[in-house]
Amino acid sequence: MSRPFYSWEGDVLVLNILGTPNAKKDAIGKVKGHQLCVSVKAVPRAGKATDYMVRFLAEEFDVATSAIQVVSGRMNVNKVLRIKAPKRLPAVIGQQELTL
């Protein structure tokens, strides 16, 4: 069995993300291996795409941007994020929860 793309540490959701900057639209995509694909329109320059991704994901998970911590990958497409007490889960995580 492959590694899951997310885990829970209490009320904190830990996500492994494969980011795609400079995309046509902001979107949470499919799972690829042990990572969730997340595309954002922002240009990858000096961490700005990561900051933009955090703001996008804050809306998707219905949390404040301060509730999302970039653990690793700030300047890389491979990222690990910690989201404290998400109020909403995107469908791809909800589907995974049902199959576990």
PDB file of N, CA and C in Angstrom:
ATOM      1  N   MET A   1       0.835  -1.194   0.000  1.00  0.00           N
ATOM      2  CA  MET A   1       0.000   0.000   0.000  1.00  0.00           C
ATOM      3  C   MET A   1       0.879   1.256   0.000  1.00  0.00           C
ATOM      4  N   SER A   2       0.506   2.237  -0.781  1.00  0.00           N
ATOM      5  CA  SER A   2       1.315   3.448  -0.866  1.00  0.00           C
ATOM      6  C   SER A   2       1.064   4.348   0.351  1.00  0.00           C
ATOM      7  N   ARG A   3       1.998   5.247   0.564  1.00  0.00           N
ATOM      8  CA  ARG A   3       1.894   6.214   1.654  1.00  0.00           C
ATOM      9  C   ARG A   3       0.724   7.157   1.395  1.00  0.00           C
ATOM     10  N   PRO A   4      -0.049   7.475   2.398  1.00  0.00           N
ATOM     11  CA  PRO A   4      -1.154   8.423   2.187  1.00  0.00           C
ATOM     12  C   PRO A   4      -0.620   9.845   1.991  1.00  0.00           C
ATOM     13  N   PHE A   5      -1.402  10.676   1.324  1.00  0.00           N
ATOM     14  CA  PHE A   5      -0.976  12.055   1.068  1.00  0.00           C
ATOM     15  C   PHE A   5      -1.296  12.981   2.237  1.00  0.00           C
ATOM     16  N   TYR A   6      -1.996  12.461   3.236  1.00  0.00           N
ATOM     17  CA  TYR A   6      -2.302  13.280   4.411  1.00  0.00           C
ATOM     18  C   TYR A   6      -2.373  12.408   5.651  1.00  0.00           C
ATOM     19  N   SER A   7      -2.260  13.063   6.792  1.00  0.00           N
ATOM     20  CA  SER A   7      -2.437  12.378   8.072  1.00  0.00           C
ATOM     21  C   SER A   7      -2.981  13.393   9.067  1.00  0.00           C
ATOM     22  N   TRP A   8      -3.467  12.878  10.170  1.00  0.00           N
ATOM     23  CA  TRP A   8      -3.993  13.735  11.233  1.00  0.00           C
ATOM     24  C   TRP A   8      -3.083  13.627  12.450  1.00  0.00           C
ATOM     25  N   GLU A   9      -2.767  14.758  13.038  1.00  0.00           N
ATOM     26  CA  GLU A   9      -2.065  14.818  14.323  1.00  0.00           C
ATOM     27  C   GLU A   9      -2.988  15.604  15.250  1.00  0.00           C
ATOM     28  N   GLY A  10      -3.883  14.897  15.904  1.00  0.00           N
ATOM     29  CA  GLY A  10      -4.915  15.565  16.705  1.00  0.00           C
ATOM     30  C   GLY A  10      -5.861  16.291  15.763  1.00  0.00           C
ATOM     31  N   ASP A  11      -6.002  17.615  15.933  1.00  0.00           N
ATOM     32  CA  ASP A  11      -6.881  18.387  15.048  1.00  0.00           C
ATOM     33  C   ASP A  11      -6.111  19.056  13.907  1.00  0.00           C
ATOM     34  N   VAL A  12      -4.845  18.654  13.723  1.00  0.00           N
ATOM     35  CA  VAL A  12      -4.007  19.231  12.665  1.00  0.00           C
ATOM     36  C   VAL A  12      -3.920  18.261  11.486  1.00  0.00           C
ATOM     37  N   LEU A  13      -4.276  18.757  10.320  1.00  0.00           N
ATOM     38  CA  LEU A  13      -4.183  17.987   9.083  1.00  0.00           C
ATOM     39  C   LEU A  13      -2.811  18.245   8.473  1.00  0.00           C
ATOM     40  N   VAL A  14      -2.042  17.191   8.237  1.00  0.00           N
ATOM     41  CA  VAL A  14      -0.732  17.306   7.615  1.00  0.00           C
ATOM     42  C   VAL A  14      -0.872  16.837   6.173  1.00  0.00           C
ATOM     43  N   LEU A  15      -0.573  17.732   5.225  1.00  0.00           N
ATOM     44  CA  LEU A  15      -0.753  17.450   3.803  1.00  0.00           C
ATOM     45  C   LEU A  15       0.576  17.434   3.060  1.00  0.00           C
ATOM     46  N   ASN A  16       0.772  16.425   2.218  1.00  0.00           N
ATOM     47  CA  ASN A  16       1.894  16.388   1.285  1.00  0.00           C
ATOM     48  C   ASN A  16       1.362  16.916  -0.037  1.00  0.00           C
ATOM     49  N   ILE A  17       1.983  17.967  -0.550  1.00  0.00           N
ATOM     50  CA  ILE A  17       1.461  18.637  -1.736  1.00  0.00           C
ATOM     51  C   ILE A  17       2.498  18.662  -2.851  1.00  0.00           C
ATOM     52  N   LEU A  18       2.006  18.460  -4.074  1.00  0.00           N
ATOM     53  CA  LEU A  18       2.789  18.688  -5.275  1.00  0.00           C
ATOM     54  C   LEU A  18       2.185  19.937  -5.901  1.00  0.00           C
ATOM     55  N   GLY A  19       2.893  21.042  -5.784  1.00  0.00           N
ATOM     56  CA  GLY A  19       2.369  22.316  -6.266  1.00  0.00           C
ATOM     57  C   GLY A  19       2.691  22.553  -7.726  1.00  0.00           C
ATOM     58  N   THR A  20       1.766  23.202  -8.414  1.00  0.00           N
ATOM     59  CA  THR A  20       1.987  23.627  -9.793  1.00  0.00           C
ATOM     60  C   THR A  20       1.716  25.123  -9.857  1.00  0.00           C
ATOM     61  N   PRO A  21       2.782  25.924  -9.925  1.00  0.00           N
ATOM     62  CA  PRO A  21       2.591  27.368 -10.043  1.00  0.00           C
ATOM     63  C   PRO A  21       2.305  27.739 -11.501  1.00  0.00           C
ATOM     64  N   ASN A  22       1.896  28.988 -11.710  1.00  0.00           N
ATOM     65  CA  ASN A  22       1.709  29.523 -13.058  1.00  0.00           C
ATOM     66  C   ASN A  22       0.660  28.725 -13.850  1.00  0.00           C
ATOM     67  N   ALA A  23      -0.352  28.214 -13.155  1.00  0.00           N
ATOM     68  CA  ALA A  23      -1.406  27.420 -13.792  1.00  0.00           C
ATOM     69  C   ALA A  23      -2.484  28.348 -14.352  1.00  0.00           C
ATOM     70  N   LYS A  24      -3.370  27.784 -15.163  1.00  0.00           N
ATOM     71  CA  LYS A  24      -4.470  28.570 -15.740  1.00  0.00           C
ATOM     72  C   LYS A  24      -5.487  28.963 -14.688  1.00  0.00           C
ATOM     73  N   LYS A  25      -5.653  28.081 -13.661  1.00  0.00           N
ATOM     74  CA  LYS A  25      -6.620  28.391 -12.602  1.00  0.00           C
ATOM     75  C   LYS A  25      -6.160  27.765 -11.290  1.00  0.00           C
ATOM     76  N   ASP A  26      -6.696  28.286 -10.200  1.00  0.00           N
ATOM     77  CA  ASP A  26      -6.423  27.718  -8.881  1.00  0.00           C
ATOM     78  C   ASP A  26      -7.299  26.484  -8.719  1.00  0.00           C
ATOM     79  N   ALA A  27      -6.694  25.372  -8.318  1.00  0.00           N
ATOM     80  CA  ALA A  27      -7.491  24.156  -8.180  1.00  0.00           C
ATOM     81  C   ALA A  27      -6.797  23.131  -7.299  1.00  0.00           C
ATOM     82  N   ILE A  28      -7.618  22.373  -6.575  1.00  0.00           N
ATOM     83  CA  ILE A  28      -7.130  21.189  -5.878  1.00  0.00           C
ATOM     84  C   ILE A  28      -7.419  20.037  -6.825  1.00  0.00           C
ATOM     85  N   GLY A  29      -6.368  19.332  -7.202  1.00  0.00           N
ATOM     86  CA  GLY A  29      -6.515  18.274  -8.194  1.00  0.00           C
ATOM     87  C   GLY A  29      -6.598  16.895  -7.579  1.00  0.00           C
ATOM     88  N   LYS A  30      -6.060  15.949  -8.299  1.00  0.00           N
ATOM     89  CA  LYS A  30      -6.096  14.553  -7.884  1.00  0.00           C
ATOM     90  C   LYS A  30      -4.877  14.212  -7.047  1.00  0.00           C
ATOM     91  N   VAL A  31      -4.899  13.021  -6.509  1.00  0.00           N
ATOM     92  CA  VAL A  31      -3.768  12.510  -5.751  1.00  0.00           C
ATOM     93  C   VAL A  31      -2.811  11.848  -6.736  1.00  0.00           C
ATOM     94  N   LYS A  32      -1.531  12.188  -6.598  1.00  0.00           N
ATOM     95  CA  LYS A  32      -0.494  11.599  -7.442  1.00  0.00           C
ATOM     96  C   LYS A  32       0.543  10.986  -6.513  1.00  0.00           C
ATOM     97  N   GLY A  33       0.561   9.661  -6.448  1.00  0.00           N
ATOM     98  CA  GLY A  33       1.460   8.996  -5.507  1.00  0.00           C
ATOM     99  C   GLY A  33       1.049   9.306  -4.083  1.00  0.00           C
ATOM    100  N   HIS A  34       1.965   9.905  -3.321  1.00  0.00           N
ATOM    101  CA  HIS A  34       1.663  10.269  -1.930  1.00  0.00           C
ATOM    102  C   HIS A  34       1.507  11.782  -1.768  1.00  0.00           C
ATOM    103  N   GLN A  35       1.110  12.459  -2.873  1.00  0.00           N
ATOM    104  CA  GLN A  35       0.950  13.906  -2.819  1.00  0.00           C
ATOM    105  C   GLN A  35      -0.386  14.325  -3.431  1.00  0.00           C
ATOM    106  N   LEU A  36      -0.928  15.413  -2.907  1.00  0.00           N
ATOM    107  CA  LEU A  36      -2.129  16.025  -3.455  1.00  0.00           C
ATOM    108  C   LEU A  36      -1.673  17.125  -4.408  1.00  0.00           C
ATOM    109  N   CYS A  37      -2.162  17.095  -5.637  1.00  0.00           N
ATOM    110  CA  CYS A  37      -1.797  18.117  -6.623  1.00  0.00           C
ATOM    111  C   CYS A  37      -2.618  19.382  -6.369  1.00  0.00           C
ATOM    112  N   VAL A  38      -1.924  20.503  -6.238  1.00  0.00           N
ATOM    113  CA  VAL A  38      -2.581  21.797  -6.053  1.00  0.00           C
ATOM    114  C   VAL A  38      -1.972  22.772  -7.054  1.00  0.00           C
ATOM    115  N   SER A  39      -2.816  23.349  -7.899  1.00  0.00           N
ATOM    116  CA  SER A  39      -2.376  24.308  -8.908  1.00  0.00           C
ATOM    117  C   SER A  39      -2.792  25.710  -8.493  1.00  0.00           C
ATOM    118  N   VAL A  40      -1.894  26.666  -8.734  1.00  0.00           N
ATOM    119  CA  VAL A  40      -2.216  28.068  -8.465  1.00  0.00           C
ATOM    120  C   VAL A  40      -1.750  28.936  -9.630  1.00  0.00           C
ATOM    121  N   LYS A  41      -2.430  30.060  -9.809  1.00  0.00           N
ATOM    122  CA  LYS A  41      -2.115  30.975 -10.901  1.00  0.00           C
ATOM    123  C   LYS A  41      -0.842  31.780 -10.654  1.00  0.00           C
ATOM    124  N   ALA A  42      -0.414  31.871  -9.428  1.00  0.00           N
ATOM    125  CA  ALA A  42       0.723  32.725  -9.075  1.00  0.00           C
ATOM    126  C   ALA A  42       2.026  32.265  -9.726  1.00  0.00           C
ATOM    127  N   VAL A  43       2.861  33.237 -10.033  1.00  0.00           N
ATOM    128  CA  VAL A  43       4.178  32.978 -10.617  1.00  0.00           C
ATOM    129  C   VAL A  43       5.149  32.601  -9.504  1.00  0.00           C
ATOM    130  N   PRO A  44       5.978  31.568  -9.721  1.00  0.00           N
ATOM    131  CA  PRO A  44       6.909  31.130  -8.674  1.00  0.00           C
ATOM    132  C   PRO A  44       8.116  32.060  -8.557  1.00  0.00           C
ATOM    133  N   ARG A  45       8.003  33.074  -7.731  1.00  0.00           N
ATOM    134  CA  ARG A  45       9.085  34.030  -7.566  1.00  0.00           C
ATOM    135  C   ARG A  45       9.209  34.402  -6.099  1.00  0.00           C
ATOM    136  N   ALA A  46      10.332  34.064  -5.497  1.00  0.00           N
ATOM    137  CA  ALA A  46      10.646  34.437  -4.108  1.00  0.00           C
ATOM    138  C   ALA A  46       9.583  33.967  -3.113  1.00  0.00           C
ATOM    139  N   GLY A  47       9.024  32.783  -3.327  1.00  0.00           N
ATOM    140  CA  GLY A  47       8.048  32.231  -2.388  1.00  0.00           C
ATOM    141  C   GLY A  47       6.648  32.784  -2.527  1.00  0.00           C
ATOM    142  N   LYS A  48       6.420  33.659  -3.512  1.00  0.00           N
ATOM    143  CA  LYS A  48       5.095  34.273  -3.665  1.00  0.00           C
ATOM    144  C   LYS A  48       4.025  33.254  -4.059  1.00  0.00           C
ATOM    145  N   ALA A  49       4.385  32.240  -4.846  1.00  0.00           N
ATOM    146  CA  ALA A  49       3.407  31.216  -5.224  1.00  0.00           C
ATOM    147  C   ALA A  49       2.989  30.408  -3.999  1.00  0.00           C
ATOM    148  N   THR A  50       3.926  30.151  -3.103  1.00  0.00           N
ATOM    149  CA  THR A  50       3.595  29.424  -1.876  1.00  0.00           C
ATOM    150  C   THR A  50       2.674  30.267  -0.998  1.00  0.00           C
ATOM    151  N   ASP A  51       2.980  31.547  -0.865  1.00  0.00           N
ATOM    152  CA  ASP A  51       2.105  32.436  -0.091  1.00  0.00           C
ATOM    153  C   ASP A  51       0.703  32.468  -0.693  1.00  0.00           C
ATOM    154  N   TYR A  52       0.635  32.544  -2.007  1.00  0.00           N
ATOM    155  CA  TYR A  52      -0.650  32.550  -2.704  1.00  0.00           C
ATOM    156  C   TYR A  52      -1.389  31.229  -2.458  1.00  0.00           C
ATOM    157  N   MET A  53      -0.645  30.111  -2.518  1.00  0.00           N
ATOM    158  CA  MET A  53      -1.248  28.794  -2.289  1.00  0.00           C
ATOM    159  C   MET A  53      -1.827  28.707  -0.881  1.00  0.00           C
ATOM    160  N   VAL A  54      -1.121  29.243   0.090  1.00  0.00           N
ATOM    161  CA  VAL A  54      -1.618  29.237   1.473  1.00  0.00           C
ATOM    162  C   VAL A  54      -2.936  30.007   1.561  1.00  0.00           C
ATOM    163  N   ARG A  55      -3.007  31.157   0.903  1.00  0.00           N
ATOM    164  CA  ARG A  55      -4.258  31.940   0.921  1.00  0.00           C
ATOM    165  C   ARG A  55      -5.385  31.171   0.232  1.00  0.00           C
ATOM    166  N   PHE A  56      -5.084  30.537  -0.892  1.00  0.00           N
ATOM    167  CA  PHE A  56      -6.075  29.733  -1.619  1.00  0.00           C
ATOM    168  C   PHE A  56      -6.574  28.575  -0.756  1.00  0.00           C
ATOM    169  N   LEU A  57      -5.642  27.849  -0.139  1.00  0.00           N
ATOM    170  CA  LEU A  57      -6.027  26.698   0.679  1.00  0.00           C
ATOM    171  C   LEU A  57      -6.763  27.116   1.949  1.00  0.00           C
ATOM    172  N   ALA A  58      -6.428  28.284   2.481  1.00  0.00           N
ATOM    173  CA  ALA A  58      -7.149  28.783   3.661  1.00  0.00           C
ATOM    174  C   ALA A  58      -8.636  28.919   3.340  1.00  0.00           C
ATOM    175  N   GLU A  59      -8.953  29.425   2.148  1.00  0.00           N
ATOM    176  CA  GLU A  59     -10.362  29.526   1.744  1.00  0.00           C
ATOM    177  C   GLU A  59     -10.978  28.146   1.572  1.00  0.00           C
ATOM    178  N   GLU A  60     -10.245  27.241   0.917  1.00  0.00           N
ATOM    179  CA  GLU A  60     -10.765  25.894   0.647  1.00  0.00           C
ATOM    180  C   GLU A  60     -11.036  25.103   1.932  1.00  0.00           C
ATOM    181  N   PHE A  61     -10.192  25.287   2.944  1.00  0.00           N
ATOM    182  CA  PHE A  61     -10.341  24.558   4.205  1.00  0.00           C
ATOM    183  C   PHE A  61     -11.091  25.376   5.256  1.00  0.00           C
ATOM    184  N   ASP A  62     -11.486  26.598   4.888  1.00  0.00           N
ATOM    185  CA  ASP A  62     -12.237  27.489   5.775  1.00  0.00           C
ATOM    186  C   ASP A  62     -11.494  27.754   7.085  1.00  0.00           C
ATOM    187  N   VAL A  63     -10.228  28.176   6.940  1.00  0.00           N
ATOM    188  CA  VAL A  63      -9.408  28.549   8.092  1.00  0.00           C
ATOM    189  C   VAL A  63      -8.718  29.879   7.791  1.00  0.00           C
ATOM    190  N   ALA A  64      -8.180  30.502   8.823  1.00  0.00           N
ATOM    191  CA  ALA A  64      -7.368  31.705   8.634  1.00  0.00           C
ATOM    192  C   ALA A  64      -6.025  31.300   8.040  1.00  0.00           C
ATOM    193  N   THR A  65      -5.391  32.196   7.304  1.00  0.00           N
ATOM    194  CA  THR A  65      -4.082  31.873   6.733  1.00  0.00           C
ATOM    195  C   THR A  65      -3.073  31.552   7.839  1.00  0.00           C
ATOM    196  N   SER A  66      -3.257  32.126   9.007  1.00  0.00           N
ATOM    197  CA  SER A  66      -2.344  31.864  10.122  1.00  0.00           C
ATOM    198  C   SER A  66      -2.471  30.436  10.659  1.00  0.00           C
ATOM    199  N   ALA A  67      -3.546  29.739  10.263  1.00  0.00           N
ATOM    200  CA  ALA A  67      -3.748  28.346  10.703  1.00  0.00           C
ATOM    201  C   ALA A  67      -2.984  27.359   9.818  1.00  0.00           C
ATOM    202  N   ILE A  68      -2.340  27.870   8.751  1.00  0.00           N
ATOM    203  CA  ILE A  68      -1.588  27.004   7.841  1.00  0.00           C
ATOM    204  C   ILE A  68      -0.101  27.292   7.987  1.00  0.00           C
ATOM    205  N   GLN A  69       0.643  26.235   8.273  1.00  0.00           N
ATOM    206  CA  GLN A  69       2.096  26.343   8.441  1.00  0.00           C
ATOM    207  C   GLN A  69       2.769  25.559   7.311  1.00  0.00           C
ATOM    208  N   VAL A  70       3.717  26.212   6.629  1.00  0.00           N
ATOM    209  CA  VAL A  70       4.512  25.528   5.610  1.00  0.00           C
ATOM    210  C   VAL A  70       5.685  24.882   6.342  1.00  0.00           C
ATOM    211  N   VAL A  71       5.629  23.563   6.487  1.00  0.00           N
ATOM    212  CA  VAL A  71       6.665  22.835   7.223  1.00  0.00           C
ATOM    213  C   VAL A  71       7.919  22.701   6.374  1.00  0.00           C
ATOM    214  N   SER A  72       7.734  22.353   5.097  1.00  0.00           N
ATOM    215  CA  SER A  72       8.877  22.249   4.191  1.00  0.00           C
ATOM    216  C   SER A  72       8.423  22.538   2.771  1.00  0.00           C
ATOM    217  N   GLY A  73       9.379  22.918   1.920  1.00  0.00           N
ATOM    218  CA  GLY A  73       9.097  23.144   0.516  1.00  0.00           C
ATOM    219  C   GLY A  73       8.642  24.540   0.157  1.00  0.00           C
ATOM    220  N   ARG A  74       8.972  25.518   0.979  1.00  0.00           N
ATOM    221  CA  ARG A  74       8.538  26.887   0.697  1.00  0.00           C
ATOM    222  C   ARG A  74       8.967  27.343  -0.700  1.00  0.00           C
ATOM    223  N   MET A  75      10.168  26.960  -1.126  1.00  0.00           N
ATOM    224  CA  MET A  75      10.682  27.362  -2.437  1.00  0.00           C
ATOM    225  C   MET A  75      10.760  26.163  -3.384  1.00  0.00           C
ATOM    226  N   ASN A  76       9.876  25.180  -3.200  1.00  0.00           N
ATOM    227  CA  ASN A  76       9.930  23.944  -3.960  1.00  0.00           C
ATOM    228  C   ASN A  76       8.502  23.515  -4.301  1.00  0.00           C
ATOM    229  N   VAL A  77       8.332  22.703  -5.342  1.00  0.00           N
ATOM    230  CA  VAL A  77       6.986  22.229  -5.675  1.00  0.00           C
ATOM    231  C   VAL A  77       6.511  21.154  -4.708  1.00  0.00           C
ATOM    232  N   ASN A  78       7.439  20.465  -4.041  1.00  0.00           N
ATOM    233  CA  ASN A  78       7.093  19.448  -3.044  1.00  0.00           C
ATOM    234  C   ASN A  78       6.990  20.118  -1.687  1.00  0.00           C
ATOM    235  N   LYS A  79       5.799  20.099  -1.121  1.00  0.00           N
ATOM    236  CA  LYS A  79       5.554  20.822   0.133  1.00  0.00           C
ATOM    237  C   LYS A  79       4.888  19.933   1.169  1.00  0.00           C
ATOM    238  N   VAL A  80       5.108  20.270   2.423  1.00  0.00           N
ATOM    239  CA  VAL A  80       4.367  19.680   3.526  1.00  0.00           C
ATOM    240  C   VAL A  80       3.739  20.847   4.279  1.00  0.00           C
ATOM    241  N   LEU A  81       2.409  20.785   4.420  1.00  0.00           N
ATOM    242  CA  LEU A  81       1.673  21.836   5.131  1.00  0.00           C
ATOM    243  C   LEU A  81       0.948  21.247   6.324  1.00  0.00           C
ATOM    244  N   ARG A  82       0.824  22.048   7.373  1.00  0.00           N
ATOM    245  CA  ARG A  82       0.033  21.684   8.551  1.00  0.00           C
ATOM    246  C   ARG A  82      -1.119  22.678   8.626  1.00  0.00           C
ATOM    247  N   ILE A  83      -2.344  22.142   8.657  1.00  0.00           N
ATOM    248  CA  ILE A  83      -3.536  22.986   8.712  1.00  0.00           C
ATOM    249  C   ILE A  83      -4.258  22.707  10.019  1.00  0.00           C
ATOM    250  N   LYS A  84      -4.301  23.720  10.882  1.00  0.00           N
ATOM    251  CA  LYS A  84      -4.904  23.547  12.211  1.00  0.00           C
ATOM    252  C   LYS A  84      -6.418  23.641  12.131  1.00  0.00           C
ATOM    253  N   ALA A  85      -7.075  22.606  12.605  1.00  0.00           N
ATOM    254  CA  ALA A  85      -8.539  22.533  12.743  1.00  0.00           C
ATOM    255  C   ALA A  85      -9.309  22.993  11.503  1.00  0.00           C
ATOM    256  N   PRO A  86      -9.096  22.316  10.366  1.00  0.00           N
ATOM    257  CA  PRO A  86      -9.856  22.714   9.172  1.00  0.00           C
ATOM    258  C   PRO A  86     -11.356  22.530   9.388  1.00  0.00           C
ATOM    259  N   LYS A  87     -12.126  23.534   8.972  1.00  0.00           N
ATOM    260  CA  LYS A  87     -13.572  23.480   9.154  1.00  0.00           C
ATOM    261  C   LYS A  87     -14.257  22.792   7.981  1.00  0.00           C
ATOM    262  N   ARG A  88     -13.544  22.696   6.853  1.00  0.00           N
ATOM    263  CA  ARG A  88     -14.110  22.074   5.657  1.00  0.00           C
ATOM    264  C   ARG A  88     -13.000  21.251   4.997  1.00  0.00           C
ATOM    265  N   LEU A  89     -13.364  20.087   4.462  1.00  0.00           N
ATOM    266  CA  LEU A  89     -12.407  19.243   3.752  1.00  0.00           C
ATOM    267  C   LEU A  89     -12.791  19.170   2.285  1.00  0.00           C
ATOM    268  N   PRO A  90     -11.831  19.365   1.384  1.00  0.00           N
ATOM    269  CA  PRO A  90     -12.127  19.199  -0.043  1.00  0.00           C
ATOM    270  C   PRO A  90     -12.581  17.766  -0.320  1.00  0.00           C
ATOM    271  N   ALA A  91     -13.305  17.577  -1.417  1.00  0.00           N
ATOM    272  CA  ALA A  91     -13.880  16.274  -1.753  1.00  0.00           C
ATOM    273  C   ALA A  91     -12.840  15.165  -1.791  1.00  0.00           C
ATOM    274  N   VAL A  92     -11.652  15.445  -2.306  1.00  0.00           N
ATOM    275  CA  VAL A  92     -10.638  14.395  -2.434  1.00  0.00           C
ATOM    276  C   VAL A  92     -10.245  13.820  -1.066  1.00  0.00           C
ATOM    277  N   ILE A  93     -10.254  14.640  -0.029  1.00  0.00           N
ATOM    278  CA  ILE A  93      -9.944  14.132   1.315  1.00  0.00           C
ATOM    279  C   ILE A  93     -11.172  13.454   1.894  1.00  0.00           C
ATOM    280  N   GLY A  94     -12.334  14.008   1.676  1.00  0.00           N
ATOM    281  CA  GLY A  94     -13.567  13.379   2.147  1.00  0.00           C
ATOM    282  C   GLY A  94     -13.745  11.992   1.572  1.00  0.00           C
ATOM    283  N   GLN A  95     -13.402  11.805   0.286  1.00  0.00           N
ATOM    284  CA  GLN A  95     -13.491  10.494  -0.353  1.00  0.00           C
ATOM    285  C   GLN A  95     -12.503   9.533   0.281  1.00  0.00           C
ATOM    286  N   GLN A  96     -11.302   9.989   0.578  1.00  0.00           N
ATOM    287  CA  GLN A  96     -10.291   9.159   1.208  1.00  0.00           C
ATOM    288  C   GLN A  96     -10.756   8.718   2.599  1.00  0.00           C
ATOM    289  N   GLU A  97     -11.366   9.640   3.334  1.00  0.00           N
ATOM    290  CA  GLU A  97     -11.847   9.326   4.691  1.00  0.00           C
ATOM    291  C   GLU A  97     -12.851   8.173   4.636  1.00  0.00           C
ATOM    292  N   LEU A  98     -13.701   8.157   3.608  1.00  0.00           N
ATOM    293  CA  LEU A  98     -14.717   7.118   3.493  1.00  0.00           C
ATOM    294  C   LEU A  98     -14.110   5.743   3.194  1.00  0.00           C
ATOM    295  N   THR A  99     -12.966   5.721   2.489  1.00  0.00           N
ATOM    296  CA  THR A  99     -12.363   4.446   2.114  1.00  0.00           C
ATOM    297  C   THR A  99     -11.416   3.896   3.158  1.00  0.00           C
ATOM    298  N   LEU A 100     -11.089   4.678   4.176  1.00  0.00           N
ATOM    299  CA  LEU A 100     -10.132   4.210   5.204  1.00  0.00           C
ATOM    300  C   LEU A 100     -10.795   3.374   6.255  1.00  0.00           C
TER     301      LEU A 100
END
